[in-house]
C-alpha atoms as a PDB file:
ATOM      1  CA  MET A   1     186.370  53.908 102.469  1.00  0.00           C
ATOM      2  CA  SER A   2     184.625  51.212 104.542  1.00  0.00           C
ATOM      3  CA  ARG A   3     182.311  51.750 107.621  1.00  0.00           C
ATOM      4  CA  VAL A   4     182.512  49.634 110.833  1.00  0.00           C
ATOM      5  CA  THR A   5     178.840  48.374 111.739  1.00  0.00           C
ATOM      6  CA  SER A   6     177.751  48.116 115.277  1.00  0.00           C
ATOM      7  CA  LYS A   7     178.644  44.351 114.955  1.00  0.00           C
ATOM      8  CA  LEU A   8     182.221  45.244 114.141  1.00  0.00           C
ATOM      9  CA  GLN A   9     181.668  44.036 110.421  1.00  0.00           C
ATOM     10  CA  VAL A  10     183.523  45.638 107.670  1.00  0.00           C
ATOM     11  CA  THR A  11     182.366  45.752 103.824  1.00  0.00           C
ATOM     12  CA  LEU A  12     185.397  45.048 101.586  1.00  0.00           C
ATOM     13  CA  PRO A  13     185.259  47.195  98.365  1.00  0.00           C
ATOM     14  CA  LYS A  14     184.489  44.976  95.383  1.00  0.00           C
ATOM     15  CA  ALA A  15     187.475  46.226  93.232  1.00  0.00           C
ATOM     16  CA  ILE A  16     189.850  45.113  95.997  1.00  0.00           C
ATOM     17  CA  ALA A  17     188.125  41.830  96.420  1.00  0.00           C
ATOM     18  CA  ASP A  18     188.453  41.276  92.703  1.00  0.00           C
ATOM     19  CA  GLN A  19     192.085  42.438  92.768  1.00  0.00           C
ATOM     20  CA  TYR A  20     193.061  39.919  95.360  1.00  0.00           C
ATOM     21  CA  GLY A  21     190.810  37.139  94.622  1.00  0.00           C
ATOM     22  CA  ILE A  22     188.783  37.400  97.844  1.00  0.00           C
ATOM     23  CA  ARG A  23     185.312  35.510  97.545  1.00  0.00           C
ATOM     24  CA  PRO A  24     182.501  35.380 100.118  1.00  0.00           C
ATOM     25  CA  GLY A  25     183.370  32.702 102.713  1.00  0.00           C
ATOM     26  CA  ASP A  26     187.114  33.172 102.552  1.00  0.00           C
ATOM     27  CA  ASP A  27     188.793  33.754 105.651  1.00  0.00           C
ATOM     28  CA  ILE A  28     191.103  36.831 105.800  1.00  0.00           C
ATOM     29  CA  GLU A  29     193.823  37.655 108.365  1.00  0.00           C
ATOM     30  CA  TRP A  30     194.029  40.850 110.297  1.00  0.00           C
ATOM     31  CA  VAL A  31     197.736  41.761 111.396  1.00  0.00           C
ATOM     32  CA  PRO A  32     198.367  44.550 113.668  1.00  0.00           C
ATOM     33  CA  ALA A  33     201.378  46.526 112.249  1.00  0.00           C
ATOM     34  CA  GLY A  34     202.180  49.398 114.513  1.00  0.00           C
ATOM     35  CA  ASP A  35     199.711  52.187 114.086  1.00  0.00           C
ATOM     36  CA  THR A  36     197.836  50.354 111.252  1.00  0.00           C
ATOM     37  CA  ILE A  37     196.112  47.119 110.445  1.00  0.00           C
ATOM     38  CA  ARG A  38     197.249  44.948 107.539  1.00  0.00           C
ATOM     39  CA  VAL A  39     194.673  42.638 105.969  1.00  0.00           C
ATOM     40  CA  VAL A  40     196.338  39.479 104.466  1.00  0.00           C
ATOM     41  CA  PRO A  41     194.278  37.801 101.758  1.00  0.00           C
ATOM     42  CA  PRO A  42     193.427  33.900 101.734  1.00  0.00           C
ATOM     43  CA  GLY A  43     196.466  31.738 100.701  1.00  0.00           C
ATOM     44  CA  ARG A  44     199.087  34.309 101.422  1.00  0.00           C
ATOM     45  CA  LYS A  45     201.044  34.940 104.539  1.00  0.00           C
ATOM     46  CA  PRO A  46     202.220  38.012 105.925  1.00  0.00           C
ATOM     47  CA  PRO A  47     206.192  38.327 105.799  1.00  0.00           C
ATOM     48  CA  VAL A  48     208.082  37.146 108.891  1.00  0.00           C
ATOM     49  CA  LEU A  49     210.795  39.717 109.500  1.00  0.00           C
ATOM     50  CA  ASP A  50     213.720  38.632 111.358  1.00  0.00           C
ATOM     51  CA  LEU A  51     215.416  40.889 113.891  1.00  0.00           C
ATOM     52  CA  LYS A  52     218.316  41.884 111.522  1.00  0.00           C
ATOM     53  CA  LEU A  53     215.851  42.909 108.785  1.00  0.00           C
ATOM     54  CA  ARG A  54     213.464  44.779 111.148  1.00  0.00           C
ATOM     55  CA  LEU A  55     216.671  46.588 112.499  1.00  0.00           C
ATOM     56  CA  ARG A  56     217.770  47.535 109.005  1.00  0.00           C
ATOM     57  CA  LEU A  57     214.296  48.752 108.028  1.00  0.00           C
ATOM     58  CA  PHE A  58     214.239  50.787 111.014  1.00  0.00           C
ATOM     59  CA  ASP A  59     217.648  52.255 110.482  1.00  0.00           C
ATOM     60  CA  ALA A  60     216.741  53.132 106.856  1.00  0.00           C
ATOM     61  CA  ALA A  61     213.546  54.935 108.073  1.00  0.00           C
ATOM     62  CA  THR A  62     215.266  56.745 110.800  1.00  0.00           C
ATOM     63  CA  GLU A  63     217.930  57.932 108.043  1.00  0.00           C
ATOM     64  CA  ARG A  64     215.052  59.154 105.673  1.00  0.00           C
ATOM     65  CA  GLN A  65     213.464  61.040 108.640  1.00  0.00           C
ATOM     66  CA  ARG A  66     216.847  62.668 109.527  1.00  0.00           C
ATOM     67  CA  LEU A  67     217.343  63.671 105.859  1.00  0.00           C
ATOM     68  CA  ARG A  68     213.800  65.117 105.629  1.00  0.00           C
ATOM     69  CA  GLN A  69     214.067  67.161 108.753  1.00  0.00           C
ATOM     70  CA  ALA A  70     217.541  68.363 107.591  1.00  0.00           C
ATOM     71  CA  ARG A  71     215.978  69.871 104.412  1.00  0.00           C
ATOM     72  CA  LYS A  72     213.170  71.619 106.271  1.00  0.00           C
ATOM     73  CA  PRO A  73     213.836  75.274 107.304  1.00  0.00           C
ATOM     74  CA  ARG A  74     213.817  75.910 110.945  1.00  0.00           C
ATOM     75  CA  ALA A  75     211.087  78.184 112.330  1.00  0.00           C
ATOM     76  CA  ALA A  76     211.880  81.835 112.717  1.00  0.00           C
ATOM     77  CA  SER A  77     212.802  82.975 116.215  1.00  0.00           C
ATOM     78  CA  GLY A  78     210.487  84.916 118.253  1.00  0.00           C
ATOM     79  CA  GLY A  79     211.747  88.309 117.150  1.00  0.00           C
ATOM     80  CA  GLU A  80     211.363  87.472 113.301  1.00  0.00           C
ATOM     81  CA  ARG A  81     207.733  86.475 113.111  1.00  0.00           C
ATOM     82  CA  GLY A  82     206.186  89.743 113.465  1.00  0.00           C
ATOM     83  CA  TRP A  83     204.739  89.113 117.050  1.00  0.00           C
ATOM     84  CA  ARG A  84     205.848  88.440 120.707  1.00  0.00           C
ATOM     85  CA  ARG A  85     204.760  85.751 122.985  1.00  0.00           C
ATOM     86  CA  GLU A  86     203.626  88.733 125.322  1.00  0.00           C
ATOM     87  CA  ASP A  87     201.390  90.054 122.748  1.00  0.00           C
ATOM     88  CA  LEU A  88     199.113  86.793 123.041  1.00  0.00           C
ATOM     89  CA  TYR A  89     198.428  87.581 126.738  1.00  0.00           C
ATOM     90  CA  GLY A  90     197.061  90.937 126.140  1.00  0.00           C
ATOM     91  CA  ARG A  91     194.913  90.083 123.225  1.00  0.00           C
ATOM     92  CA  GLY A  92     191.126  90.756 123.478  1.00  0.00           C
ATOM     93  CA  ARG A  93     191.469  92.594 126.813  1.00  0.00           C
ATOM     94  CA  ALA A  94     190.517  96.268 127.346  1.00  0.00           C
ATOM     95  CA  ARG A  95     193.571  98.276 127.682  1.00  0.00           C
END
């Protein structure tokens, strides 16, 4: 894991620099990708996704999420979990 300095500089781990052929003085590209940031090594361009491909990828991800949620058991209703909501309001108070 790298730390960002007060000058907003980041140290690239040597193993990653070696793997992608990044050397001192190379320019790397920082690409926003939703909630993440992609670092593109020199000489490589991030893939440009056309609208059809982006929609197909989105639909596939949505279907995977739907299948994951269908496999998860639903949370038990209030009477089956061994406590009631009302029990929370009296907790810690003298009766």
